[in-house]
Amino acid sequence: MTVASKGGAPTNPAWVYNIAADPTTTIVMADGTRVAARGERLIGDDEERAWVRIAEEAPEYVGYRSRTERQIPIIRLRAD
């Protein structure tokens, strides 16, 4: 899971649009290795559960969320 916070900026980071355009060809770095993954934006209850976990594990993201009027996307990445 990754959070498109961009530090609470008013716009999403560019990579969010890349994943939205073609979620099947996302490449991520995991432990120094390139991994093909599928990206999926969380919505609804899945998104809210993710925010609870994020707030517990990385509370700085709560601050980012309060700095912006946009809905910060949370993307689930699944290795292909």
C-alpha atoms as a PDB file:
ATOM      1  CA  MET A   1       0.000   0.000   0.000  1.00  0.00           C
ATOM      2  CA  THR A   2       1.239   3.482  -0.791  1.00  0.00           C
ATOM      3  CA  VAL A   3      -0.153   6.912  -0.007  1.00  0.00           C
ATOM      4  CA  ALA A   4      -0.178   9.649  -2.658  1.00  0.00           C
ATOM      5  CA  SER A   5       0.182  12.422  -0.100  1.00  0.00           C
ATOM      6  CA  LYS A   6       2.720  14.669  -1.826  1.00  0.00           C
ATOM      7  CA  GLY A   7       3.177  16.211   1.634  1.00  0.00           C
ATOM      8  CA  GLY A   8      -0.371  17.567   1.637  1.00  0.00           C
ATOM      9  CA  ALA A   9       0.088  19.523  -1.606  1.00  0.00           C
ATOM     10  CA  PRO A  10      -3.079  20.607  -3.442  1.00  0.00           C
ATOM     11  CA  THR A  11      -2.422  18.223  -6.374  1.00  0.00           C
ATOM     12  CA  ASN A  12      -1.772  14.502  -6.653  1.00  0.00           C
ATOM     13  CA  PRO A  13       1.700  13.251  -7.517  1.00  0.00           C
ATOM     14  CA  ALA A  14       2.086  12.412 -11.217  1.00  0.00           C
ATOM     15  CA  TRP A  15       2.564   8.702 -10.578  1.00  0.00           C
ATOM     16  CA  VAL A  16      -1.092   8.416  -9.455  1.00  0.00           C
ATOM     17  CA  TYR A  17      -2.208   9.289 -12.986  1.00  0.00           C
ATOM     18  CA  ASN A  18       0.261   6.828 -14.501  1.00  0.00           C
ATOM     19  CA  ILE A  19      -1.179   4.000 -12.406  1.00  0.00           C
ATOM     20  CA  ALA A  20      -4.745   5.069 -13.200  1.00  0.00           C
ATOM     21  CA  ALA A  21      -3.969   5.093 -16.938  1.00  0.00           C
ATOM     22  CA  ASP A  22      -2.561   1.552 -16.907  1.00  0.00           C
ATOM     23  CA  PRO A  23      -2.692  -0.236 -13.553  1.00  0.00           C
ATOM     24  CA  THR A  24      -1.291  -3.452 -15.038  1.00  0.00           C
ATOM     25  CA  THR A  25       2.205  -2.144 -15.821  1.00  0.00           C
ATOM     26  CA  THR A  26       3.276  -0.586 -12.547  1.00  0.00           C
ATOM     27  CA  ILE A  27       6.902  -1.216 -11.612  1.00  0.00           C
ATOM     28  CA  VAL A  28       7.958  -0.744  -7.993  1.00  0.00           C
ATOM     29  CA  MET A  29      11.227  -1.149  -6.141  1.00  0.00           C
ATOM     30  CA  ALA A  30      11.076  -3.658  -3.302  1.00  0.00           C
ATOM     31  CA  ASP A  31      14.241  -4.330  -1.317  1.00  0.00           C
ATOM     32  CA  GLY A  32      16.353  -3.103  -4.237  1.00  0.00           C
ATOM     33  CA  THR A  33      14.554  -5.296  -6.778  1.00  0.00           C
ATOM     34  CA  ARG A  34      12.212  -4.133  -9.532  1.00  0.00           C
ATOM     35  CA  VAL A  35       8.842  -5.824  -9.184  1.00  0.00           C
ATOM     36  CA  ALA A  36       5.910  -5.732 -11.601  1.00  0.00           C
ATOM     37  CA  ALA A  37       2.715  -4.890  -9.760  1.00  0.00           C
ATOM     38  CA  ARG A  38      -0.924  -4.048 -10.332  1.00  0.00           C
ATOM     39  CA  GLY A  39      -2.131  -0.790  -8.789  1.00  0.00           C
ATOM     40  CA  GLU A  40      -5.617  -0.372  -7.343  1.00  0.00           C
ATOM     41  CA  ARG A  41      -6.972   2.762  -5.704  1.00  0.00           C
ATOM     42  CA  LEU A  42      -8.783   2.023  -2.451  1.00  0.00           C
ATOM     43  CA  ILE A  43     -12.251   3.491  -2.006  1.00  0.00           C
ATOM     44  CA  GLY A  44     -15.049   3.345   0.537  1.00  0.00           C
ATOM     45  CA  ASP A  45     -14.607   1.062   3.540  1.00  0.00           C
ATOM     46  CA  ASP A  46     -11.259  -0.244   2.256  1.00  0.00           C
ATOM     47  CA  GLU A  47      -9.941   3.308   2.142  1.00  0.00           C
ATOM     48  CA  GLU A  48     -11.201   4.149   5.629  1.00  0.00           C
ATOM     49  CA  ARG A  49      -9.655   0.979   7.117  1.00  0.00           C
ATOM     50  CA  ALA A  50      -6.388   1.869   5.396  1.00  0.00           C
ATOM     51  CA  TRP A  51      -6.427   5.379   6.914  1.00  0.00           C
ATOM     52  CA  VAL A  52      -6.838   3.895  10.395  1.00  0.00           C
ATOM     53  CA  ARG A  53      -3.782   1.705   9.826  1.00  0.00           C
ATOM     54  CA  ILE A  54      -1.803   4.556   8.281  1.00  0.00           C
ATOM     55  CA  ALA A  55      -2.586   6.851  11.221  1.00  0.00           C
ATOM     56  CA  GLU A  56      -1.272   4.202  13.627  1.00  0.00           C
ATOM     57  CA  GLU A  57       1.872   3.325  11.677  1.00  0.00           C
ATOM     58  CA  ALA A  58       2.788   6.707  10.146  1.00  0.00           C
ATOM     59  CA  PRO A  59       0.935   9.524  11.937  1.00  0.00           C
ATOM     60  CA  GLU A  60       2.614  12.223   9.845  1.00  0.00           C
ATOM     61  CA  TYR A  61       0.167  11.335   7.060  1.00  0.00           C
ATOM     62  CA  VAL A  62      -2.712  12.561   9.219  1.00  0.00           C
ATOM     63  CA  GLY A  63      -1.051  15.989   9.096  1.00  0.00           C
ATOM     64  CA  TYR A  64      -0.702  15.784   5.322  1.00  0.00           C
ATOM     65  CA  ARG A  65      -4.386  14.937   5.055  1.00  0.00           C
ATOM     66  CA  SER A  66      -5.353  17.987   7.100  1.00  0.00           C
ATOM     67  CA  ARG A  67      -3.243  20.323   4.886  1.00  0.00           C
ATOM     68  CA  THR A  68      -5.184  19.719   1.701  1.00  0.00           C
ATOM     69  CA  GLU A  69      -8.748  19.785   0.454  1.00  0.00           C
ATOM     70  CA  ARG A  70      -8.165  16.926  -1.983  1.00  0.00           C
ATOM     71  CA  GLN A  71      -8.857  13.325  -1.126  1.00  0.00           C
ATOM     72  CA  ILE A  72      -5.415  11.754  -0.822  1.00  0.00           C
ATOM     73  CA  PRO A  73      -5.368   8.518  -2.824  1.00  0.00           C
ATOM     74  CA  ILE A  74      -4.246   5.270  -1.233  1.00  0.00           C
ATOM     75  CA  ILE A  75      -3.017   2.728  -3.753  1.00  0.00           C
ATOM     76  CA  ARG A  76      -2.776  -0.996  -3.090  1.00  0.00           C
ATOM     77  CA  LEU A  77       0.050  -2.571  -5.060  1.00  0.00           C
ATOM     78  CA  ARG A  78      -0.089  -6.304  -5.724  1.00  0.00           C
ATOM     79  CA  ALA A  79       2.845  -8.144  -7.240  1.00  0.00           C
ATOM     80  CA  ASP A  80       2.008  -9.843 -10.532  1.00  0.00           C
END
